Amino acid sequence: MFIGVYNLANFVTLLGLASSVLACFVASAGDYESLRWAVVLFLLSGLCDMCDGRIARGAGSRTRKEKVFGIQIDTVCDMVSFGVTPVVIAFFCGFNEWYHILVYIIYAACAAIRLAYFNTQAIEETPDLNMKAFTGVPVPFSCLVLPPLVLLLKFVDNPRNLAVALVYAFAYLAVGIAFIVNVKIMKLKIWECVLVVIFELACISLLFINL
């Protein structure tokens, strides 16, 4: 009745997409209360991205068409979740000068290149479509960068001063360039994933605790 492949892994991927879209809407209010909830929704999309591939690989045999579709839908959702949503949140943090806009465009373009290259590698260079390593920093790395940036607003007297504005611009530019640097990065092991989750929970706790 409908086109596409529907399984648990792909539904988790779409849950991550929904969470990141909601993060954009919530962030549009522009106040700190809304921004920290936007970060929570953004990190939920990162958690979904961390789980969907493992769910797919543990679900038993899949046809090549199902595997290719899984790669494609994951990449499309990643572009929204980690290529666009971090830009939207930063914009509504108040960092919307002309140089911020330029950096955001570069960041999003680098994310698109990184994701397209990943698809090309997976389809053209791996017979089983199972990548053992990444080329360039994976776009979900933004989950480790955005929470501390939003948390920074809590600890400065003037959250939108020039120094903080430059920190945001430099951070997004550096992460964008990291997406397309020709370096090999191994997939995270289980214990590394656990450390990432602990770091994100710590950031969320700091966002909501009154110090």
C-alpha atoms as a PDB file:
ATOM      1  CA  MET A   1       0.000   0.000   0.000  1.00  0.00           C
ATOM      2  CA  PHE A   2       2.890   2.363   0.777  1.00  0.00           C
ATOM      3  CA  ILE A   3       6.422   2.618  -0.575  1.00  0.00           C
ATOM      4  CA  GLY A   4       9.355   2.071   1.751  1.00  0.00           C
ATOM      5  CA  VAL A   5      10.583  -0.550   4.198  1.00  0.00           C
ATOM      6  CA  TYR A   6       8.915  -0.650   7.605  1.00  0.00           C
ATOM      7  CA  ASN A   7      10.686  -2.330  10.508  1.00  0.00           C
ATOM      8  CA  LEU A   8      11.684  -1.505  14.066  1.00  0.00           C
ATOM      9  CA  ALA A   9      15.079  -0.051  13.107  1.00  0.00           C
ATOM     10  CA  ASN A  10      13.551   2.338  10.577  1.00  0.00           C
ATOM     11  CA  PHE A  11      10.835   3.395  13.025  1.00  0.00           C
ATOM     12  CA  VAL A  12      13.564   4.245  15.564  1.00  0.00           C
ATOM     13  CA  THR A  13      15.281   6.299  12.847  1.00  0.00           C
ATOM     14  CA  LEU A  14      12.032   8.162  12.181  1.00  0.00           C
ATOM     15  CA  LEU A  15      11.533   8.694  15.918  1.00  0.00           C
ATOM     16  CA  GLY A  16      14.893  10.444  15.934  1.00  0.00           C
ATOM     17  CA  LEU A  17      13.771  12.597  13.012  1.00  0.00           C
ATOM     18  CA  ALA A  18      10.548  13.533  14.809  1.00  0.00           C
ATOM     19  CA  SER A  19      12.474  14.420  17.952  1.00  0.00           C
ATOM     20  CA  SER A  20      14.868  16.712  16.082  1.00  0.00           C
ATOM     21  CA  VAL A  21      12.008  18.471  14.255  1.00  0.00           C
ATOM     22  CA  LEU A  22      10.296  19.061  17.598  1.00  0.00           C
ATOM     23  CA  ALA A  23      13.603  20.431  18.915  1.00  0.00           C
ATOM     24  CA  CYS A  24      13.543  23.075  16.173  1.00  0.00           C
ATOM     25  CA  PHE A  25       9.995  24.113  17.051  1.00  0.00           C
ATOM     26  CA  VAL A  26      10.732  24.252  20.783  1.00  0.00           C
ATOM     27  CA  ALA A  27      13.949  26.249  20.254  1.00  0.00           C
ATOM     28  CA  SER A  28      12.066  28.892  18.250  1.00  0.00           C
ATOM     29  CA  ALA A  29      10.773  30.426  21.499  1.00  0.00           C
ATOM     30  CA  GLY A  30      14.335  31.649  22.044  1.00  0.00           C
ATOM     31  CA  ASP A  31      14.362  31.657  25.858  1.00  0.00           C
ATOM     32  CA  TYR A  32      16.733  29.539  27.939  1.00  0.00           C
ATOM     33  CA  GLU A  33      13.930  27.296  29.251  1.00  0.00           C
ATOM     34  CA  SER A  34      12.906  26.380  25.699  1.00  0.00           C
ATOM     35  CA  LEU A  35      16.478  26.004  24.500  1.00  0.00           C
ATOM     36  CA  ARG A  36      17.367  23.451  27.144  1.00  0.00           C
ATOM     37  CA  TRP A  37      14.300  21.359  26.270  1.00  0.00           C
ATOM     38  CA  ALA A  38      15.322  21.627  22.626  1.00  0.00           C
ATOM     39  CA  VAL A  39      18.707  20.165  23.611  1.00  0.00           C
ATOM     40  CA  VAL A  40      16.965  17.262  25.350  1.00  0.00           C
ATOM     41  CA  LEU A  41      14.949  16.500  22.208  1.00  0.00           C
ATOM     42  CA  PHE A  42      18.070  16.851  20.087  1.00  0.00           C
ATOM     43  CA  LEU A  43      19.962  14.380  22.262  1.00  0.00           C
ATOM     44  CA  LEU A  44      17.032  11.969  22.028  1.00  0.00           C
ATOM     45  CA  SER A  45      17.511  11.971  18.260  1.00  0.00           C
ATOM     46  CA  GLY A  46      21.186  11.172  18.863  1.00  0.00           C
ATOM     47  CA  LEU A  47      20.216   8.250  21.094  1.00  0.00           C
ATOM     48  CA  CYS A  48      17.905   6.949  18.367  1.00  0.00           C
ATOM     49  CA  ASP A  49      20.743   7.188  15.852  1.00  0.00           C
ATOM     50  CA  MET A  50      23.008   5.271  18.220  1.00  0.00           C
ATOM     51  CA  CYS A  51      20.463   2.449  18.502  1.00  0.00           C
ATOM     52  CA  ASP A  52      18.870   2.066  15.069  1.00  0.00           C
ATOM     53  CA  GLY A  53      21.877   0.479  13.349  1.00  0.00           C
ATOM     54  CA  ARG A  54      22.393  -1.994  16.180  1.00  0.00           C
ATOM     55  CA  ILE A  55      18.709  -2.904  16.074  1.00  0.00           C
ATOM     56  CA  ALA A  56      18.910  -3.453  12.308  1.00  0.00           C
ATOM     57  CA  ARG A  57      21.993  -5.664  12.553  1.00  0.00           C
ATOM     58  CA  GLY A  58      20.444  -7.705  15.346  1.00  0.00           C
ATOM     59  CA  ALA A  59      17.146  -8.259  13.542  1.00  0.00           C
ATOM     60  CA  GLY A  60      18.336 -11.211  11.475  1.00  0.00           C
ATOM     61  CA  SER A  61      18.705 -11.547   7.735  1.00  0.00           C
ATOM     62  CA  ARG A  62      17.737  -8.642   5.518  1.00  0.00           C
ATOM     63  CA  THR A  63      17.670  -8.341   1.748  1.00  0.00           C
ATOM     64  CA  ARG A  64      20.118  -5.988   0.065  1.00  0.00           C
ATOM     65  CA  LYS A  65      17.215  -3.699  -0.830  1.00  0.00           C
ATOM     66  CA  GLU A  66      16.202  -3.487   2.842  1.00  0.00           C
ATOM     67  CA  LYS A  67      19.795  -2.711   3.836  1.00  0.00           C
ATOM     68  CA  VAL A  68      20.161   0.002   1.183  1.00  0.00           C
ATOM     69  CA  PHE A  69      16.848   1.566   2.197  1.00  0.00           C
ATOM     70  CA  GLY A  70      17.972   1.545   5.832  1.00  0.00           C
ATOM     71  CA  ILE A  71      21.182   3.353   4.887  1.00  0.00           C
ATOM     72  CA  GLN A  72      19.325   5.919   2.795  1.00  0.00           C
ATOM     73  CA  ILE A  73      16.603   6.751   5.317  1.00  0.00           C
ATOM     74  CA  ASP A  74      19.173   6.958   8.107  1.00  0.00           C
ATOM     75  CA  THR A  75      21.214   9.433   6.075  1.00  0.00           C
ATOM     76  CA  VAL A  76      18.224  11.591   5.139  1.00  0.00           C
ATOM     77  CA  CYS A  77      17.124  11.733   8.785  1.00  0.00           C
ATOM     78  CA  ASP A  78      20.689  12.444   9.939  1.00  0.00           C
ATOM     79  CA  MET A  79      20.840  15.464   7.659  1.00  0.00           C
ATOM     80  CA  VAL A  80      17.818  16.936   9.409  1.00  0.00           C
ATOM     81  CA  SER A  81      18.789  15.827  12.911  1.00  0.00           C
ATOM     82  CA  PHE A  82      22.495  16.693  12.871  1.00  0.00           C
ATOM     83  CA  GLY A  83      22.953  18.888   9.799  1.00  0.00           C
ATOM     84  CA  VAL A  84      20.023  21.288  10.269  1.00  0.00           C
ATOM     85  CA  THR A  85      18.732  21.055  13.844  1.00  0.00           C
ATOM     86  CA  PRO A  86      22.005  22.210  15.521  1.00  0.00           C
ATOM     87  CA  VAL A  87      22.002  25.238  13.207  1.00  0.00           C
ATOM     88  CA  VAL A  88      18.405  26.093  14.075  1.00  0.00           C
ATOM     89  CA  ILE A  89      19.070  25.802  17.811  1.00  0.00           C
ATOM     90  CA  ALA A  90      22.178  27.993  17.599  1.00  0.00           C
ATOM     91  CA  PHE A  91      20.245  30.571  15.572  1.00  0.00           C
ATOM     92  CA  PHE A  92      17.539  30.780  18.222  1.00  0.00           C
ATOM     93  CA  CYS A  93      20.197  31.046  20.902  1.00  0.00           C
ATOM     94  CA  GLY A  94      20.635  34.515  19.417  1.00  0.00           C
ATOM     95  CA  PHE A  95      23.741  33.905  17.332  1.00  0.00           C
ATOM     96  CA  ASN A  96      22.432  35.173  14.016  1.00  0.00           C
ATOM     97  CA  GLU A  97      24.997  37.674  12.760  1.00  0.00           C
ATOM     98  CA  TRP A  98      26.054  37.508   9.116  1.00  0.00           C
ATOM     99  CA  TYR A  99      29.184  35.508   9.945  1.00  0.00           C
ATOM    100  CA  HIS A 100      27.110  33.018  11.945  1.00  0.00           C
ATOM    101  CA  ILE A 101      24.834  32.494   8.948  1.00  0.00           C
ATOM    102  CA  LEU A 102      27.865  31.903   6.738  1.00  0.00           C
ATOM    103  CA  VAL A 103      29.311  29.377   9.206  1.00  0.00           C
ATOM    104  CA  TYR A 104      25.952  27.595   9.492  1.00  0.00           C
ATOM    105  CA  ILE A 105      25.774  27.241   5.706  1.00  0.00           C
ATOM    106  CA  ILE A 106      29.301  25.799   5.630  1.00  0.00           C
ATOM    107  CA  TYR A 107      28.434  23.459   8.497  1.00  0.00           C
ATOM    108  CA  ALA A 108      25.289  22.163   6.781  1.00  0.00           C
ATOM    109  CA  ALA A 109      27.076  21.766   3.441  1.00  0.00           C
ATOM    110  CA  CYS A 110      29.879  19.763   5.076  1.00  0.00           C
ATOM    111  CA  ALA A 111      27.310  17.563   6.817  1.00  0.00           C
ATOM    112  CA  ALA A 112      25.625  16.890   3.468  1.00  0.00           C
ATOM    113  CA  ILE A 113      28.958  16.015   1.834  1.00  0.00           C
ATOM    114  CA  ARG A 114      29.893  13.722   4.721  1.00  0.00           C
ATOM    115  CA  LEU A 115      26.575  11.865   4.590  1.00  0.00           C
ATOM    116  CA  ALA A 116      26.579  11.507   0.812  1.00  0.00           C
ATOM    117  CA  TYR A 117      30.146  10.186   0.943  1.00  0.00           C
ATOM    118  CA  PHE A 118      29.167   7.680   3.618  1.00  0.00           C
ATOM    119  CA  ASN A 119      26.369   6.354   1.397  1.00  0.00           C
ATOM    120  CA  THR A 120      28.736   6.124  -1.552  1.00  0.00           C
ATOM    121  CA  GLN A 121      31.268   4.154   0.476  1.00  0.00           C
ATOM    122  CA  ALA A 122      28.669   1.831   1.961  1.00  0.00           C
ATOM    123  CA  ILE A 123      27.101   0.963  -1.395  1.00  0.00           C
ATOM    124  CA  GLU A 124      30.204   0.945  -3.603  1.00  0.00           C
ATOM    125  CA  GLU A 125      32.968  -0.335  -1.316  1.00  0.00           C
ATOM    126  CA  THR A 126      31.340  -2.771   1.133  1.00  0.00           C
ATOM    127  CA  PRO A 127      29.703  -5.934  -0.259  1.00  0.00           C
ATOM    128  CA  ASP A 128      27.642  -6.513   2.908  1.00  0.00           C
ATOM    129  CA  LEU A 129      26.838  -2.778   3.355  1.00  0.00           C
ATOM    130  CA  ASN A 130      28.268  -2.935   6.878  1.00  0.00           C
ATOM    131  CA  MET A 131      30.802  -0.173   7.422  1.00  0.00           C
ATOM    132  CA  LYS A 132      33.556  -1.045   9.884  1.00  0.00           C
ATOM    133  CA  ALA A 133      34.946   2.501  10.006  1.00  0.00           C
ATOM    134  CA  PHE A 134      33.974   6.030   9.020  1.00  0.00           C
ATOM    135  CA  THR A 135      35.822   8.517   6.842  1.00  0.00           C
ATOM    136  CA  GLY A 136      35.480  11.920   8.442  1.00  0.00           C
ATOM    137  CA  VAL A 137      33.873  12.661  11.788  1.00  0.00           C
ATOM    138  CA  PRO A 138      30.300  11.264  11.862  1.00  0.00           C
ATOM    139  CA  VAL A 139      27.640  13.995  11.912  1.00  0.00           C
ATOM    140  CA  PRO A 140      26.090  12.796  15.225  1.00  0.00           C
ATOM    141  CA  PHE A 141      29.305  14.131  16.816  1.00  0.00           C
ATOM    142  CA  SER A 142      27.321  17.368  17.095  1.00  0.00           C
ATOM    143  CA  CYS A 143      25.569  15.707  20.068  1.00  0.00           C
ATOM    144  CA  LEU A 144      28.828  16.147  21.985  1.00  0.00           C
ATOM    145  CA  VAL A 145      29.277  19.764  20.926  1.00  0.00           C
ATOM    146  CA  LEU A 146      25.875  21.462  21.109  1.00  0.00           C
ATOM    147  CA  PRO A 147      24.956  20.710  24.769  1.00  0.00           C
ATOM    148  CA  PRO A 148      28.124  22.344  26.209  1.00  0.00           C
ATOM    149  CA  LEU A 149      27.562  25.349  23.929  1.00  0.00           C
ATOM    150  CA  VAL A 150      24.017  25.866  25.213  1.00  0.00           C
ATOM    151  CA  LEU A 151      25.214  25.182  28.755  1.00  0.00           C
ATOM    152  CA  LEU A 152      27.777  27.970  28.309  1.00  0.00           C
ATOM    153  CA  LEU A 153      24.911  30.486  28.154  1.00  0.00           C
ATOM    154  CA  LYS A 154      24.077  29.627  31.754  1.00  0.00           C
ATOM    155  CA  PHE A 155      27.477  30.641  33.101  1.00  0.00           C
ATOM    156  CA  VAL A 156      28.150  33.988  31.399  1.00  0.00           C
ATOM    157  CA  ASP A 157      26.810  37.378  32.462  1.00  0.00           C
ATOM    158  CA  ASN A 158      25.931  38.389  28.914  1.00  0.00           C
ATOM    159  CA  PRO A 159      25.147  35.229  26.915  1.00  0.00           C
ATOM    160  CA  ARG A 160      25.242  37.078  23.601  1.00  0.00           C
ATOM    161  CA  ASN A 161      28.500  38.963  23.993  1.00  0.00           C
ATOM    162  CA  LEU A 162      31.128  38.934  21.271  1.00  0.00           C
ATOM    163  CA  ALA A 163      33.347  36.326  22.916  1.00  0.00           C
ATOM    164  CA  VAL A 164      30.523  33.780  23.197  1.00  0.00           C
ATOM    165  CA  ALA A 165      29.357  34.614  19.676  1.00  0.00           C
ATOM    166  CA  LEU A 166      32.845  33.856  18.346  1.00  0.00           C
ATOM    167  CA  VAL A 167      32.975  30.600  20.332  1.00  0.00           C
ATOM    168  CA  TYR A 168      29.774  29.464  18.619  1.00  0.00           C
ATOM    169  CA  ALA A 169      31.041  30.456  15.183  1.00  0.00           C
ATOM    170  CA  PHE A 170      34.404  28.739  15.661  1.00  0.00           C
ATOM    171  CA  ALA A 171      32.848  25.584  17.133  1.00  0.00           C
ATOM    172  CA  TYR A 172      30.430  25.126  14.221  1.00  0.00           C
ATOM    173  CA  LEU A 173      33.115  25.855  11.657  1.00  0.00           C
ATOM    174  CA  ALA A 174      35.541  23.398  13.272  1.00  0.00           C
ATOM    175  CA  VAL A 175      32.928  20.632  13.506  1.00  0.00           C
ATOM    176  CA  GLY A 176      31.830  21.219   9.910  1.00  0.00           C
ATOM    177  CA  ILE A 177      35.392  20.908   8.627  1.00  0.00           C
ATOM    178  CA  ALA A 178      35.887  17.797  10.781  1.00  0.00           C
ATOM    179  CA  PHE A 179      32.990  16.163   8.910  1.00  0.00           C
ATOM    180  CA  ILE A 180      34.941  16.188   5.641  1.00  0.00           C
ATOM    181  CA  VAL A 181      38.513  15.638   6.824  1.00  0.00           C
ATOM    182  CA  ASN A 182      39.947  12.488   5.235  1.00  0.00           C
ATOM    183  CA  VAL A 183      40.614  10.492   8.407  1.00  0.00           C
ATOM    184  CA  LYS A 184      39.464   7.026   9.395  1.00  0.00           C
ATOM    185  CA  ILE A 185      37.396   6.756  12.565  1.00  0.00           C
ATOM    186  CA  MET A 186      36.330   3.405  13.975  1.00  0.00           C
ATOM    187  CA  LYS A 187      32.760   2.790  15.061  1.00  0.00           C
ATOM    188  CA  LEU A 188      32.101   3.293  18.757  1.00  0.00           C
ATOM    189  CA  LYS A 189      32.306   0.244  20.967  1.00  0.00           C
ATOM    190  CA  ILE A 190      29.589  -0.449  23.527  1.00  0.00           C
ATOM    191  CA  TRP A 191      31.587   1.021  26.413  1.00  0.00           C
ATOM    192  CA  GLU A 192      32.306   4.138  24.359  1.00  0.00           C
ATOM    193  CA  CYS A 193      28.587   4.519  23.637  1.00  0.00           C
ATOM    194  CA  VAL A 194      27.937   4.260  27.375  1.00  0.00           C
ATOM    195  CA  LEU A 195      30.445   7.055  28.036  1.00  0.00           C
ATOM    196  CA  VAL A 196      28.722   9.236  25.441  1.00  0.00           C
ATOM    197  CA  VAL A 197      25.341   8.662  27.087  1.00  0.00           C
ATOM    198  CA  ILE A 198      26.809   9.484  30.526  1.00  0.00           C
ATOM    199  CA  PHE A 199      28.301  12.707  29.141  1.00  0.00           C
ATOM    200  CA  GLU A 200      24.974  13.713  27.613  1.00  0.00           C
ATOM    201  CA  LEU A 201      23.075  12.943  30.827  1.00  0.00           C
ATOM    202  CA  ALA A 202      25.589  15.056  32.739  1.00  0.00           C
ATOM    203  CA  CYS A 203      25.020  17.967  30.354  1.00  0.00           C
ATOM    204  CA  ILE A 204      21.246  17.632  30.694  1.00  0.00           C
ATOM    205  CA  SER A 205      21.555  17.580  34.479  1.00  0.00           C
ATOM    206  CA  LEU A 206      23.629  20.764  34.452  1.00  0.00           C
ATOM    207  CA  LEU A 207      21.140  22.434  32.117  1.00  0.00           C
ATOM    208  CA  PHE A 208      18.301  21.863  34.569  1.00  0.00           C
ATOM    209  CA  ILE A 209      20.074  22.219  37.910  1.00  0.00           C
ATOM    210  CA  ASN A 210      20.083  25.701  39.411  1.00  0.00           C
ATOM    211  CA  LEU A 211      23.656  26.455  40.464  1.00  0.00           C
END
